[in-house]
């Protein structure tokens, strides 16, 4: 993913990726590897201008804080339908 410029008028949002209760990724880097396909999807890269990952110390959840250009917010909600079918989404 090529990070585009993030502007002060960009919107900040978040969503959570969680494993089934009691199930964990084996390490910090395995967590990132599991999410890597999401970050390379064209649906993600065309809307998101940047993001931060916060991985829980138990490796069972990730909070993704993201920036989206104000002109792409509507597309983001369409994208949320795609993502929510695979992970837990929090607005």
C-alpha atoms as a PDB file:
ATOM      1  CA  UNK A   1       0.000   0.000   0.000  1.00  0.00           C
ATOM      2  CA  UNK A   2       1.320   3.400  -0.931  1.00  0.00           C
ATOM      3  CA  UNK A   3       0.321   5.865   1.759  1.00  0.00           C
ATOM      4  CA  UNK A   4      -1.228   8.955   0.271  1.00  0.00           C
ATOM      5  CA  UNK A   5      -1.106  12.356   1.885  1.00  0.00           C
ATOM      6  CA  UNK A   6      -3.188  12.638   5.038  1.00  0.00           C
ATOM      7  CA  UNK A   7      -4.867  16.008   5.425  1.00  0.00           C
ATOM      8  CA  UNK A   8      -6.309  17.633   8.527  1.00  0.00           C
ATOM      9  CA  UNK A   9      -9.771  17.511   6.939  1.00  0.00           C
ATOM     10  CA  UNK A  10      -9.583  13.714   6.523  1.00  0.00           C
ATOM     11  CA  UNK A  11     -11.901  11.741   8.758  1.00  0.00           C
ATOM     12  CA  UNK A  12     -10.625   9.391  11.449  1.00  0.00           C
ATOM     13  CA  UNK A  13     -12.461   6.154  12.105  1.00  0.00           C
ATOM     14  CA  UNK A  14     -11.858   2.805  13.723  1.00  0.00           C
ATOM     15  CA  UNK A  15     -12.830  -0.795  13.515  1.00  0.00           C
ATOM     16  CA  UNK A  16     -11.915  -3.904  15.431  1.00  0.00           C
ATOM     17  CA  UNK A  17     -10.784  -7.293  14.232  1.00  0.00           C
ATOM     18  CA  UNK A  18     -11.358  -9.986  16.818  1.00  0.00           C
ATOM     19  CA  UNK A  19     -10.733 -13.696  16.885  1.00  0.00           C
ATOM     20  CA  UNK A  20     -13.355 -16.086  18.210  1.00  0.00           C
ATOM     21  CA  UNK A  21     -13.511 -16.035  21.980  1.00  0.00           C
ATOM     22  CA  UNK A  22     -10.478 -17.784  23.404  1.00  0.00           C
ATOM     23  CA  UNK A  23      -8.656 -18.027  20.054  1.00  0.00           C
ATOM     24  CA  UNK A  24      -5.473 -15.987  19.572  1.00  0.00           C
ATOM     25  CA  UNK A  25      -2.888 -15.286  16.931  1.00  0.00           C
ATOM     26  CA  UNK A  26       0.455 -16.773  17.925  1.00  0.00           C
ATOM     27  CA  UNK A  27       2.476 -13.532  17.865  1.00  0.00           C
ATOM     28  CA  UNK A  28       2.523  -9.848  17.014  1.00  0.00           C
ATOM     29  CA  UNK A  29       3.862 -10.501  13.521  1.00  0.00           C
ATOM     30  CA  UNK A  30       1.427 -13.351  12.850  1.00  0.00           C
ATOM     31  CA  UNK A  31      -1.365 -10.890  13.638  1.00  0.00           C
ATOM     32  CA  UNK A  32      -0.041  -8.462  11.039  1.00  0.00           C
ATOM     33  CA  UNK A  33       0.378 -11.299   8.524  1.00  0.00           C
ATOM     34  CA  UNK A  34      -3.261 -12.320   9.051  1.00  0.00           C
ATOM     35  CA  UNK A  35      -4.433  -8.775   8.261  1.00  0.00           C
ATOM     36  CA  UNK A  36      -2.067  -8.149   5.346  1.00  0.00           C
ATOM     37  CA  UNK A  37      -4.585  -9.286   2.661  1.00  0.00           C
ATOM     38  CA  UNK A  38      -7.047  -6.626   3.867  1.00  0.00           C
ATOM     39  CA  UNK A  39      -4.444  -3.882   3.469  1.00  0.00           C
ATOM     40  CA  UNK A  40      -3.729  -4.912  -0.109  1.00  0.00           C
ATOM     41  CA  UNK A  41      -7.348  -5.068  -1.283  1.00  0.00           C
ATOM     42  CA  UNK A  42      -8.128  -2.371  -3.842  1.00  0.00           C
ATOM     43  CA  UNK A  43     -11.364  -1.590  -1.984  1.00  0.00           C
ATOM     44  CA  UNK A  44      -9.271  -0.704   1.075  1.00  0.00           C
ATOM     45  CA  UNK A  45      -6.471   1.182  -0.669  1.00  0.00           C
ATOM     46  CA  UNK A  46      -8.775   3.345  -2.790  1.00  0.00           C
ATOM     47  CA  UNK A  47     -10.542   4.735   0.293  1.00  0.00           C
ATOM     48  CA  UNK A  48      -8.067   4.657   3.181  1.00  0.00           C
ATOM     49  CA  UNK A  49      -5.278   7.263   3.167  1.00  0.00           C
ATOM     50  CA  UNK A  50      -3.459   5.883   6.215  1.00  0.00           C
ATOM     51  CA  UNK A  51      -3.916   3.709   9.279  1.00  0.00           C
ATOM     52  CA  UNK A  52      -2.504   2.669  12.652  1.00  0.00           C
ATOM     53  CA  UNK A  53      -2.679  -0.775  14.203  1.00  0.00           C
ATOM     54  CA  UNK A  54      -3.069  -1.398  17.917  1.00  0.00           C
ATOM     55  CA  UNK A  55      -2.653  -5.095  18.676  1.00  0.00           C
ATOM     56  CA  UNK A  56      -3.812  -6.328  22.071  1.00  0.00           C
ATOM     57  CA  UNK A  57      -1.148  -7.913  24.223  1.00  0.00           C
ATOM     58  CA  UNK A  58      -3.209 -11.120  24.233  1.00  0.00           C
ATOM     59  CA  UNK A  59      -3.063 -11.207  20.386  1.00  0.00           C
ATOM     60  CA  UNK A  60      -6.809 -11.799  20.184  1.00  0.00           C
ATOM     61  CA  UNK A  61      -7.914  -8.384  18.881  1.00  0.00           C
ATOM     62  CA  UNK A  62      -6.695  -5.500  16.756  1.00  0.00           C
ATOM     63  CA  UNK A  63      -7.953  -1.929  16.641  1.00  0.00           C
ATOM     64  CA  UNK A  64      -7.416  -0.310  13.275  1.00  0.00           C
ATOM     65  CA  UNK A  65      -7.556   3.485  13.293  1.00  0.00           C
ATOM     66  CA  UNK A  66      -7.810   4.784   9.758  1.00  0.00           C
ATOM     67  CA  UNK A  67      -7.946   8.027   7.841  1.00  0.00           C
ATOM     68  CA  UNK A  68     -10.289   8.514   4.921  1.00  0.00           C
ATOM     69  CA  UNK A  69     -10.532  11.464   2.565  1.00  0.00           C
ATOM     70  CA  UNK A  70     -13.717  13.439   3.122  1.00  0.00           C
ATOM     71  CA  UNK A  71     -14.791  12.826  -0.482  1.00  0.00           C
ATOM     72  CA  UNK A  72     -14.595   9.041  -0.013  1.00  0.00           C
ATOM     73  CA  UNK A  73     -16.674   8.706   3.169  1.00  0.00           C
ATOM     74  CA  UNK A  74     -19.722   7.391   1.283  1.00  0.00           C
ATOM     75  CA  UNK A  75     -17.566   4.746  -0.379  1.00  0.00           C
ATOM     76  CA  UNK A  76     -16.225   3.809   3.044  1.00  0.00           C
ATOM     77  CA  UNK A  77     -19.714   2.889   4.232  1.00  0.00           C
ATOM     78  CA  UNK A  78     -20.132   0.677   1.181  1.00  0.00           C
ATOM     79  CA  UNK A  79     -16.776  -0.903   1.981  1.00  0.00           C
ATOM     80  CA  UNK A  80     -17.873  -1.504   5.576  1.00  0.00           C
ATOM     81  CA  UNK A  81     -20.514  -3.898   4.264  1.00  0.00           C
ATOM     82  CA  UNK A  82     -17.788  -5.926   2.564  1.00  0.00           C
ATOM     83  CA  UNK A  83     -15.563  -5.914   5.647  1.00  0.00           C
ATOM     84  CA  UNK A  84     -18.318  -6.606   8.158  1.00  0.00           C
ATOM     85  CA  UNK A  85     -19.180  -9.834   6.406  1.00  0.00           C
ATOM     86  CA  UNK A  86     -15.716 -11.092   7.449  1.00  0.00           C
ATOM     87  CA  UNK A  87     -14.880  -9.263  10.679  1.00  0.00           C
ATOM     88  CA  UNK A  88     -16.519  -7.350  13.501  1.00  0.00           C
ATOM     89  CA  UNK A  89     -17.064  -3.702  12.548  1.00  0.00           C
ATOM     90  CA  UNK A  90     -17.400  -0.839  15.001  1.00  0.00           C
ATOM     91  CA  UNK A  91     -18.389   2.634  13.904  1.00  0.00           C
END
